Amino acid sequence: MRRLNQERVAESGWSAGTIPSMQVAVYVMCGGGFLGRFAAEQPMDFYIDDRVGCLPYSREEIYQAVETLKTIVIANGMDPHRLLTMPSFHNMGIF
């Protein structure tokens, strides 16, 4: 898998308005639930425990998405330890 250059991500000018949609994307990549919420709302402290079984995306892809979210949060001067609550969305009972 190709790695994103996080310095270029920080310089790309992603605004704080894009963070909620990225939070939802990270949540879905983790398969929802507690793990997805943890990734979306506390990207700086996020990790995947070894006991986690099947994930919809590989651990590497999830970690890269969370790292990108964290980089954009820091570039916008926000606290990556405590983001705003993830926006609510209609999940059709899937997550």
PDB file of N, CA and C in Angstrom:
ATOM      1  N   MET A   1       0.831  -1.177   0.000  1.00  0.00           N
ATOM      2  CA  MET A   1       0.000   0.000   0.000  1.00  0.00           C
ATOM      3  C   MET A   1       0.880   1.246   0.000  1.00  0.00           C
ATOM      4  N   ARG A   2       0.470   2.221  -0.738  1.00  0.00           N
ATOM      5  CA  ARG A   2       1.225   3.465  -0.835  1.00  0.00           C
ATOM      6  C   ARG A   2       0.968   4.334   0.395  1.00  0.00           C
ATOM      7  N   ARG A   3       2.017   4.878   0.977  1.00  0.00           N
ATOM      8  CA  ARG A   3       1.906   5.724   2.167  1.00  0.00           C
ATOM      9  C   ARG A   3       1.734   7.178   1.756  1.00  0.00           C
ATOM     10  N   LEU A   4       0.849   7.870   2.453  1.00  0.00           N
ATOM     11  CA  LEU A   4       0.669   9.298   2.208  1.00  0.00           C
ATOM     12  C   LEU A   4       1.755  10.080   2.920  1.00  0.00           C
ATOM     13  N   ASN A   5       2.228  11.131   2.279  1.00  0.00           N
ATOM     14  CA  ASN A   5       3.184  12.030   2.906  1.00  0.00           C
ATOM     15  C   ASN A   5       2.391  12.981   3.797  1.00  0.00           C
ATOM     16  N   GLN A   6       2.485  12.798   5.105  1.00  0.00           N
ATOM     17  CA  GLN A   6       1.673  13.576   6.039  1.00  0.00           C
ATOM     18  C   GLN A   6       2.048  15.058   6.049  1.00  0.00           C
ATOM     19  N   GLU A   7       3.280  15.393   5.692  1.00  0.00           N
ATOM     20  CA  GLU A   7       3.663  16.812   5.588  1.00  0.00           C
ATOM     21  C   GLU A   7       2.886  17.487   4.464  1.00  0.00           C
ATOM     22  N   ARG A   8       2.739  16.787   3.356  1.00  0.00           N
ATOM     23  CA  ARG A   8       1.969  17.347   2.236  1.00  0.00           C
ATOM     24  C   ARG A   8       0.489  17.436   2.578  1.00  0.00           C
ATOM     25  N   VAL A   9      -0.001  16.489   3.356  1.00  0.00           N
ATOM     26  CA  VAL A   9      -1.400  16.536   3.800  1.00  0.00           C
ATOM     27  C   VAL A   9      -1.614  17.783   4.648  1.00  0.00           C
ATOM     28  N   ALA A  10      -0.677  18.060   5.563  1.00  0.00           N
ATOM     29  CA  ALA A  10      -0.790  19.232   6.434  1.00  0.00           C
ATOM     30  C   ALA A  10      -0.757  20.531   5.635  1.00  0.00           C
ATOM     31  N   GLU A  11       0.006  20.547   4.560  1.00  0.00           N
ATOM     32  CA  GLU A  11       0.141  21.752   3.738  1.00  0.00           C
ATOM     33  C   GLU A  11      -0.975  21.892   2.704  1.00  0.00           C
ATOM     34  N   SER A  12      -1.812  20.890   2.578  1.00  0.00           N
ATOM     35  CA  SER A  12      -2.814  20.876   1.514  1.00  0.00           C
ATOM     36  C   SER A  12      -3.965  21.845   1.721  1.00  0.00           C
ATOM     37  N   GLY A  13      -4.141  22.333   2.938  1.00  0.00           N
ATOM     38  CA  GLY A  13      -5.171  23.332   3.190  1.00  0.00           C
ATOM     39  C   GLY A  13      -6.553  22.774   3.465  1.00  0.00           C
ATOM     40  N   TRP A  14      -6.645  21.519   3.909  1.00  0.00           N
ATOM     41  CA  TRP A  14      -7.947  20.963   4.284  1.00  0.00           C
ATOM     42  C   TRP A  14      -8.491  21.786   5.437  1.00  0.00           C
ATOM     43  N   SER A  15      -9.707  22.256   5.305  1.00  0.00           N
ATOM     44  CA  SER A  15     -10.295  23.109   6.342  1.00  0.00           C
ATOM     45  C   SER A  15     -10.926  22.264   7.446  1.00  0.00           C
ATOM     46  N   ALA A  16     -11.252  22.928   8.543  1.00  0.00           N
ATOM     47  CA  ALA A  16     -11.904  22.248   9.666  1.00  0.00           C
ATOM     48  C   ALA A  16     -13.288  21.732   9.272  1.00  0.00           C
ATOM     49  N   GLY A  17     -13.874  22.303   8.233  1.00  0.00           N
ATOM     50  CA  GLY A  17     -15.188  21.862   7.778  1.00  0.00           C
ATOM     51  C   GLY A  17     -15.193  20.461   7.185  1.00  0.00           C
ATOM     52  N   THR A  18     -14.034  19.963   6.798  1.00  0.00           N
ATOM     53  CA  THR A  18     -13.956  18.616   6.226  1.00  0.00           C
ATOM     54  C   THR A  18     -13.787  17.539   7.292  1.00  0.00           C
ATOM     55  N   ILE A  19     -13.486  17.938   8.512  1.00  0.00           N
ATOM     56  CA  ILE A  19     -13.207  16.971   9.573  1.00  0.00           C
ATOM     57  C   ILE A  19     -14.403  16.067   9.881  1.00  0.00           C
ATOM     58  N   PRO A  20     -15.637  16.590   9.999  1.00  0.00           N
ATOM     59  CA  PRO A  20     -16.756  15.679  10.293  1.00  0.00           C
ATOM     60  C   PRO A  20     -16.934  14.557   9.266  1.00  0.00           C
ATOM     61  N   SER A  21     -16.784  14.854   7.991  1.00  0.00           N
ATOM     62  CA  SER A  21     -16.936  13.791   6.990  1.00  0.00           C
ATOM     63  C   SER A  21     -15.785  12.795   7.075  1.00  0.00           C
ATOM     64  N   MET A  22     -14.605  13.263   7.437  1.00  0.00           N
ATOM     65  CA  MET A  22     -13.476  12.348   7.617  1.00  0.00           C
ATOM     66  C   MET A  22     -13.675  11.473   8.851  1.00  0.00           C
ATOM     67  N   GLN A  23     -14.294  12.044   9.886  1.00  0.00           N
ATOM     68  CA  GLN A  23     -14.599  11.251  11.076  1.00  0.00           C
ATOM     69  C   GLN A  23     -15.543  10.098  10.719  1.00  0.00           C
ATOM     70  N   VAL A  24     -16.550  10.385   9.921  1.00  0.00           N
ATOM     71  CA  VAL A  24     -17.500   9.341   9.513  1.00  0.00           C
ATOM     72  C   VAL A  24     -16.783   8.283   8.673  1.00  0.00           C
ATOM     73  N   ALA A  25     -15.900   8.709   7.777  1.00  0.00           N
ATOM     74  CA  ALA A  25     -15.169   7.755   6.939  1.00  0.00           C
ATOM     75  C   ALA A  25     -14.305   6.825   7.791  1.00  0.00           C
ATOM     76  N   VAL A  26     -13.602   7.382   8.771  1.00  0.00           N
ATOM     77  CA  VAL A  26     -12.759   6.571   9.652  1.00  0.00           C
ATOM     78  C   VAL A  26     -13.621   5.619  10.481  1.00  0.00           C
ATOM     79  N   TYR A  27     -14.755   6.106  10.956  1.00  0.00           N
ATOM     80  CA  TYR A  27     -15.689   5.279  11.729  1.00  0.00           C
ATOM     81  C   TYR A  27     -16.124   4.058  10.921  1.00  0.00           C
ATOM     82  N   VAL A  28     -16.482   4.288   9.675  1.00  0.00           N
ATOM     83  CA  VAL A  28     -16.934   3.199   8.802  1.00  0.00           C
ATOM     84  C   VAL A  28     -15.781   2.248   8.482  1.00  0.00           C
ATOM     85  N   MET A  29     -14.581   2.782   8.258  1.00  0.00           N
ATOM     86  CA  MET A  29     -13.427   1.930   7.964  1.00  0.00           C
ATOM     87  C   MET A  29     -13.130   0.963   9.104  1.00  0.00           C
ATOM     88  N   CYS A  30     -13.417   1.384  10.327  1.00  0.00           N
ATOM     89  CA  CYS A  30     -13.181   0.529  11.496  1.00  0.00           C
ATOM     90  C   CYS A  30     -14.318  -0.450  11.739  1.00  0.00           C
ATOM     91  N   GLY A  31     -15.372  -0.340  10.973  1.00  0.00           N
ATOM     92  CA  GLY A  31     -16.516  -1.220  11.159  1.00  0.00           C
ATOM     93  C   GLY A  31     -17.506  -0.703  12.177  1.00  0.00           C
ATOM     94  N   GLY A  32     -17.397   0.575  12.514  1.00  0.00           N
ATOM     95  CA  GLY A  32     -18.326   1.188  13.462  1.00  0.00           C
ATOM     96  C   GLY A  32     -18.010   0.817  14.893  1.00  0.00           C
ATOM     97  N   GLY A  33     -19.014   0.886  15.740  1.00  0.00           N
ATOM     98  CA  GLY A  33     -18.874   0.483  17.131  1.00  0.00           C
ATOM     99  C   GLY A  33     -17.926   1.347  17.938  1.00  0.00           C
ATOM    100  N   PHE A  34     -17.480   0.777  19.056  1.00  0.00           N
ATOM    101  CA  PHE A  34     -16.592   1.500  19.963  1.00  0.00           C
ATOM    102  C   PHE A  34     -15.267   1.845  19.286  1.00  0.00           C
ATOM    103  N   LEU A  35     -14.703   0.898  18.549  1.00  0.00           N
ATOM    104  CA  LEU A  35     -13.420   1.123  17.884  1.00  0.00           C
ATOM    105  C   LEU A  35     -13.513   2.273  16.885  1.00  0.00           C
ATOM    106  N   GLY A  36     -14.582   2.300  16.100  1.00  0.00           N
ATOM    107  CA  GLY A  36     -14.770   3.366  15.121  1.00  0.00           C
ATOM    108  C   GLY A  36     -14.957   4.721  15.770  1.00  0.00           C
ATOM    109  N   ARG A  37     -15.710   4.745  16.856  1.00  0.00           N
ATOM    110  CA  ARG A  37     -15.940   6.006  17.573  1.00  0.00           C
ATOM    111  C   ARG A  37     -14.637   6.508  18.197  1.00  0.00           C
ATOM    112  N   PHE A  38     -13.849   5.602  18.741  1.00  0.00           N
ATOM    113  CA  PHE A  38     -12.550   5.948  19.325  1.00  0.00           C
ATOM    114  C   PHE A  38     -11.635   6.549  18.259  1.00  0.00           C
ATOM    115  N   ALA A  39     -11.597   5.949  17.079  1.00  0.00           N
ATOM    116  CA  ALA A  39     -10.761   6.452  15.985  1.00  0.00           C
ATOM    117  C   ALA A  39     -11.218   7.826  15.523  1.00  0.00           C
ATOM    118  N   ALA A  40     -12.524   8.034  15.462  1.00  0.00           N
ATOM    119  CA  ALA A  40     -13.078   9.282  14.938  1.00  0.00           C
ATOM    120  C   ALA A  40     -12.979  10.442  15.924  1.00  0.00           C
ATOM    121  N   GLU A  41     -13.066  10.164  17.214  1.00  0.00           N
ATOM    122  CA  GLU A  41     -13.113  11.243  18.197  1.00  0.00           C
ATOM    123  C   GLU A  41     -11.810  11.445  18.958  1.00  0.00           C
ATOM    124  N   GLN A  42     -10.912  10.455  18.952  1.00  0.00           N
ATOM    125  CA  GLN A  42      -9.621  10.581  19.629  1.00  0.00           C
ATOM    126  C   GLN A  42      -8.511   9.994  18.756  1.00  0.00           C
ATOM    127  N   PRO A  43      -8.252  10.589  17.590  1.00  0.00           N
ATOM    128  CA  PRO A  43      -7.279   9.984  16.670  1.00  0.00           C
ATOM    129  C   PRO A  43      -5.850   9.925  17.221  1.00  0.00           C
ATOM    130  N   MET A  44      -5.488  10.826  18.117  1.00  0.00           N
ATOM    131  CA  MET A  44      -4.126  10.822  18.657  1.00  0.00           C
ATOM    132  C   MET A  44      -3.879   9.596  19.541  1.00  0.00           C
ATOM    133  N   ASP A  45      -4.904   9.118  20.224  1.00  0.00           N
ATOM    134  CA  ASP A  45      -4.755   8.004  21.164  1.00  0.00           C
ATOM    135  C   ASP A  45      -5.191   6.663  20.582  1.00  0.00           C
ATOM    136  N   PHE A  46      -5.558   6.634  19.319  1.00  0.00           N
ATOM    137  CA  PHE A  46      -6.149   5.441  18.713  1.00  0.00           C
ATOM    138  C   PHE A  46      -5.139   4.318  18.519  1.00  0.00           C
ATOM    139  N   TYR A  47      -5.590   3.105  18.803  1.00  0.00           N
ATOM    140  CA  TYR A  47      -4.839   1.896  18.476  1.00  0.00           C
ATOM    141  C   TYR A  47      -5.836   0.755  18.292  1.00  0.00           C
ATOM    142  N   ILE A  48      -5.404  -0.277  17.608  1.00  0.00           N
ATOM    143  CA  ILE A  48      -6.242  -1.458  17.415  1.00  0.00           C
ATOM    144  C   ILE A  48      -5.661  -2.572  18.269  1.00  0.00           C
ATOM    145  N   ASP A  49      -6.432  -3.034  19.224  1.00  0.00           N
ATOM    146  CA  ASP A  49      -6.012  -4.100  20.128  1.00  0.00           C
ATOM    147  C   ASP A  49      -5.813  -5.393  19.340  1.00  0.00           C
ATOM    148  N   ASP A  50      -4.887  -6.216  19.787  1.00  0.00           N
ATOM    149  CA  ASP A  50      -4.606  -7.486  19.104  1.00  0.00           C
ATOM    150  C   ASP A  50      -5.786  -8.447  19.132  1.00  0.00           C
ATOM    151  N   ARG A  51      -6.721  -8.244  20.057  1.00  0.00           N
ATOM    152  CA  ARG A  51      -7.864  -9.140  20.172  1.00  0.00           C
ATOM    153  C   ARG A  51      -8.955  -8.848  19.149  1.00  0.00           C
ATOM    154  N   VAL A  52      -8.820  -7.727  18.424  1.00  0.00           N
ATOM    155  CA  VAL A  52      -9.821  -7.386  17.409  1.00  0.00           C
ATOM    156  C   VAL A  52      -9.696  -8.369  16.255  1.00  0.00           C
ATOM    157  N   GLY A  53     -10.800  -8.930  15.864  1.00  0.00           N
ATOM    158  CA  GLY A  53     -10.794  -9.945  14.810  1.00  0.00           C
ATOM    159  C   GLY A  53     -10.877  -9.343  13.426  1.00  0.00           C
ATOM    160  N   CYS A  54     -11.969  -9.572  12.772  1.00  0.00           N
ATOM    161  CA  CYS A  54     -12.165  -9.179  11.385  1.00  0.00           C
ATOM    162  C   CYS A  54     -12.500  -7.689  11.270  1.00  0.00           C
ATOM    163  N   LEU A  55     -11.783  -6.996  10.432  1.00  0.00           N
ATOM    164  CA  LEU A  55     -12.030  -5.583  10.157  1.00  0.00           C
ATOM    165  C   LEU A  55     -12.367  -5.429   8.677  1.00  0.00           C
ATOM    166  N   PRO A  56     -13.205  -4.441   8.323  1.00  0.00           N
ATOM    167  CA  PRO A  56     -13.555  -4.268   6.912  1.00  0.00           C
ATOM    168  C   PRO A  56     -12.387  -3.783   6.044  1.00  0.00           C
ATOM    169  N   TYR A  57     -11.411  -3.122   6.652  1.00  0.00           N
ATOM    170  CA  TYR A  57     -10.212  -2.656   5.948  1.00  0.00           C
ATOM    171  C   TYR A  57      -9.000  -3.170   6.706  1.00  0.00           C
ATOM    172  N   SER A  58      -7.855  -3.186   6.055  1.00  0.00           N
ATOM    173  CA  SER A  58      -6.647  -3.663   6.726  1.00  0.00           C
ATOM    174  C   SER A  58      -6.239  -2.679   7.820  1.00  0.00           C
ATOM    175  N   ARG A  59      -5.502  -3.167   8.783  1.00  0.00           N
ATOM    176  CA  ARG A  59      -5.025  -2.309   9.876  1.00  0.00           C
ATOM    177  C   ARG A  59      -4.184  -1.161   9.328  1.00  0.00           C
ATOM    178  N   GLU A  60      -3.365  -1.455   8.328  1.00  0.00           N
ATOM    179  CA  GLU A  60      -2.509  -0.428   7.731  1.00  0.00           C
ATOM    180  C   GLU A  60      -3.345   0.694   7.111  1.00  0.00           C
ATOM    181  N   GLU A  61      -4.398   0.333   6.394  1.00  0.00           N
ATOM    182  CA  GLU A  61      -5.268   1.346   5.788  1.00  0.00           C
ATOM    183  C   GLU A  61      -5.983   2.171   6.851  1.00  0.00           C
ATOM    184  N   ILE A  62      -6.438   1.511   7.906  1.00  0.00           N
ATOM    185  CA  ILE A  62      -7.120   2.228   8.985  1.00  0.00           C
ATOM    186  C   ILE A  62      -6.157   3.175   9.682  1.00  0.00           C
ATOM    187  N   TYR A  63      -4.961   2.696  10.013  1.00  0.00           N
ATOM    188  CA  TYR A  63      -3.983   3.557  10.679  1.00  0.00           C
ATOM    189  C   TYR A  63      -3.615   4.759   9.807  1.00  0.00           C
ATOM    190  N   GLN A  64      -3.508   4.551   8.500  1.00  0.00           N
ATOM    191  CA  GLN A  64      -3.181   5.668   7.615  1.00  0.00           C
ATOM    192  C   GLN A  64      -4.315   6.685   7.573  1.00  0.00           C
ATOM    193  N   ALA A  65      -5.559   6.224   7.539  1.00  0.00           N
ATOM    194  CA  ALA A  65      -6.707   7.136   7.539  1.00  0.00           C
ATOM    195  C   ALA A  65      -6.774   7.928   8.841  1.00  0.00           C
ATOM    196  N   VAL A  66      -6.526   7.259   9.961  1.00  0.00           N
ATOM    197  CA  VAL A  66      -6.539   7.939  11.263  1.00  0.00           C
ATOM    198  C   VAL A  66      -5.385   8.935  11.344  1.00  0.00           C
ATOM    199  N   GLU A  67      -4.233   8.574  10.828  1.00  0.00           N
ATOM    200  CA  GLU A  67      -3.082   9.482  10.817  1.00  0.00           C
ATOM    201  C   GLU A  67      -3.383  10.723   9.976  1.00  0.00           C
ATOM    202  N   THR A  68      -4.055  10.540   8.856  1.00  0.00           N
ATOM    203  CA  THR A  68      -4.434  11.673   8.012  1.00  0.00           C
ATOM    204  C   THR A  68      -5.428  12.572   8.730  1.00  0.00           C
ATOM    205  N   LEU A  69      -6.415  11.980   9.392  1.00  0.00           N
ATOM    206  CA  LEU A  69      -7.366  12.768  10.186  1.00  0.00           C
ATOM    207  C   LEU A  69      -6.631  13.549  11.265  1.00  0.00           C
ATOM    208  N   LYS A  70      -5.717  12.893  11.952  1.00  0.00           N
ATOM    209  CA  LYS A  70      -4.942  13.546  13.016  1.00  0.00           C
ATOM    210  C   LYS A  70      -4.122  14.709  12.458  1.00  0.00           C
ATOM    211  N   THR A  71      -3.491  14.523  11.318  1.00  0.00           N
ATOM    212  CA  THR A  71      -2.686  15.578  10.700  1.00  0.00           C
ATOM    213  C   THR A  71      -3.536  16.788  10.351  1.00  0.00           C
ATOM    214  N   ILE A  72      -4.713  16.566   9.794  1.00  0.00           N
ATOM    215  CA  ILE A  72      -5.598  17.674   9.420  1.00  0.00           C
ATOM    216  C   ILE A  72      -6.120  18.391  10.660  1.00  0.00           C
ATOM    217  N   VAL A  73      -6.416  17.643  11.706  1.00  0.00           N
ATOM    218  CA  VAL A  73      -6.877  18.245  12.963  1.00  0.00           C
ATOM    219  C   VAL A  73      -5.795  19.151  13.540  1.00  0.00           C
ATOM    220  N   ILE A  74      -4.570  18.675  13.587  1.00  0.00           N
ATOM    221  CA  ILE A  74      -3.456  19.467  14.120  1.00  0.00           C
ATOM    222  C   ILE A  74      -3.207  20.688  13.252  1.00  0.00           C
ATOM    223  N   ALA A  75      -3.272  20.531  11.928  1.00  0.00           N
ATOM    224  CA  ALA A  75      -3.050  21.655  11.014  1.00  0.00           C
ATOM    225  C   ALA A  75      -4.096  22.750  11.195  1.00  0.00           C
ATOM    226  N   ASN A  76      -5.284  22.387  11.686  1.00  0.00           N
ATOM    227  CA  ASN A  76      -6.343  23.368  11.925  1.00  0.00           C
ATOM    228  C   ASN A  76      -6.365  23.861  13.367  1.00  0.00           C
ATOM    229  N   GLY A  77      -5.346  23.522  14.142  1.00  0.00           N
ATOM    230  CA  GLY A  77      -5.215  24.028  15.501  1.00  0.00           C
ATOM    231  C   GLY A  77      -6.188  23.434  16.500  1.00  0.00           C
ATOM    232  N   MET A  78      -6.649  22.226  16.245  1.00  0.00           N
ATOM    233  CA  MET A  78      -7.586  21.564  17.157  1.00  0.00           C
ATOM    234  C   MET A  78      -6.847  20.509  17.978  1.00  0.00           C
ATOM    235  N   ASP A  79      -7.481  20.041  19.043  1.00  0.00           N
ATOM    236  CA  ASP A  79      -6.892  19.040  19.927  1.00  0.00           C
ATOM    237  C   ASP A  79      -7.212  17.634  19.415  1.00  0.00           C
ATOM    238  N   PRO A  80      -6.201  16.870  18.955  1.00  0.00           N
ATOM    239  CA  PRO A  80      -6.461  15.529  18.429  1.00  0.00           C
ATOM    240  C   PRO A  80      -6.774  14.492  19.510  1.00  0.00           C
ATOM    241  N   HIS A  81      -6.644  14.874  20.781  1.00  0.00           N
ATOM    242  CA  HIS A  81      -7.006  13.961  21.865  1.00  0.00           C
ATOM    243  C   HIS A  81      -8.506  13.989  22.131  1.00  0.00           C
ATOM    244  N   ARG A  82      -9.144  15.134  21.831  1.00  0.00           N
ATOM    245  CA  ARG A  82     -10.572  15.290  22.106  1.00  0.00           C
ATOM    246  C   ARG A  82     -11.228  16.089  20.993  1.00  0.00           C
ATOM    247  N   LEU A  83     -11.650  15.418  19.960  1.00  0.00           N
ATOM    248  CA  LEU A  83     -12.380  16.091  18.884  1.00  0.00           C
ATOM    249  C   LEU A  83     -13.841  16.230  19.279  1.00  0.00           C
ATOM    250  N   LEU A  84     -14.546  17.040  18.532  1.00  0.00           N
ATOM    251  CA  LEU A  84     -15.981  17.142  18.747  1.00  0.00           C
ATOM    252  C   LEU A  84     -16.622  15.784  18.489  1.00  0.00           C
ATOM    253  N   THR A  85     -17.776  15.577  19.070  1.00  0.00           N
ATOM    254  CA  THR A  85     -18.499  14.327  18.862  1.00  0.00           C
ATOM    255  C   THR A  85     -18.738  14.120  17.372  1.00  0.00           C
ATOM    256  N   MET A  86     -18.555  12.906  16.950  1.00  0.00           N
ATOM    257  CA  MET A  86     -18.758  12.578  15.548  1.00  0.00           C
ATOM    258  C   MET A  86     -20.182  12.942  15.136  1.00  0.00           C
ATOM    259  N   PRO A  87     -20.362  13.503  13.940  1.00  0.00           N
ATOM    260  CA  PRO A  87     -21.715  13.879  13.514  1.00  0.00           C
ATOM    261  C   PRO A  87     -22.612  12.647  13.402  1.00  0.00           C
ATOM    262  N   SER A  88     -23.866  12.843  13.724  1.00  0.00           N
ATOM    263  CA  SER A  88     -24.785  11.709  13.604  1.00  0.00           C
ATOM    264  C   SER A  88     -25.171  11.539  12.135  1.00  0.00           C
ATOM    265  N   PHE A  89     -25.386  10.323  11.746  1.00  0.00           N
ATOM    266  CA  PHE A  89     -25.794  10.032  10.380  1.00  0.00           C
ATOM    267  C   PHE A  89     -26.680   8.799  10.416  1.00  0.00           C
ATOM    268  N   HIS A  90     -27.537   8.684   9.439  1.00  0.00           N
ATOM    269  CA  HIS A  90     -28.442   7.537   9.408  1.00  0.00           C
ATOM    270  C   HIS A  90     -27.673   6.338   8.900  1.00  0.00           C
ATOM    271  N   ASN A  91     -27.535   5.330   9.740  1.00  0.00           N
ATOM    272  CA  ASN A  91     -26.701   4.187   9.384  1.00  0.00           C
ATOM    273  C   ASN A  91     -27.494   2.978   8.909  1.00  0.00           C
ATOM    274  N   MET A  92     -28.802   3.123   8.769  1.00  0.00           N
ATOM    275  CA  MET A  92     -29.658   2.042   8.271  1.00  0.00           C
ATOM    276  C   MET A  92     -29.547   0.774   9.122  1.00  0.00           C
ATOM    277  N   GLY A  93     -29.106   0.912  10.377  1.00  0.00           N
ATOM    278  CA  GLY A  93     -28.989  -0.238  11.265  1.00  0.00           C
ATOM    279  C   GLY A  93     -27.787  -1.114  11.001  1.00  0.00           C
ATOM    280  N   ILE A  94     -26.840  -0.630  10.209  1.00  0.00           N
ATOM    281  CA  ILE A  94     -25.672  -1.432   9.855  1.00  0.00           C
ATOM    282  C   ILE A  94     -24.574  -1.298  10.899  1.00  0.00           C
ATOM    283  N   PHE A  95     -24.336  -0.079  11.398  1.00  0.00           N
ATOM    284  CA  PHE A  95     -23.240   0.138  12.349  1.00  0.00           C
ATOM    285  C   PHE A  95     -23.775   0.370  13.731  1.00  0.00           C
TER     286      PHE A  95
END
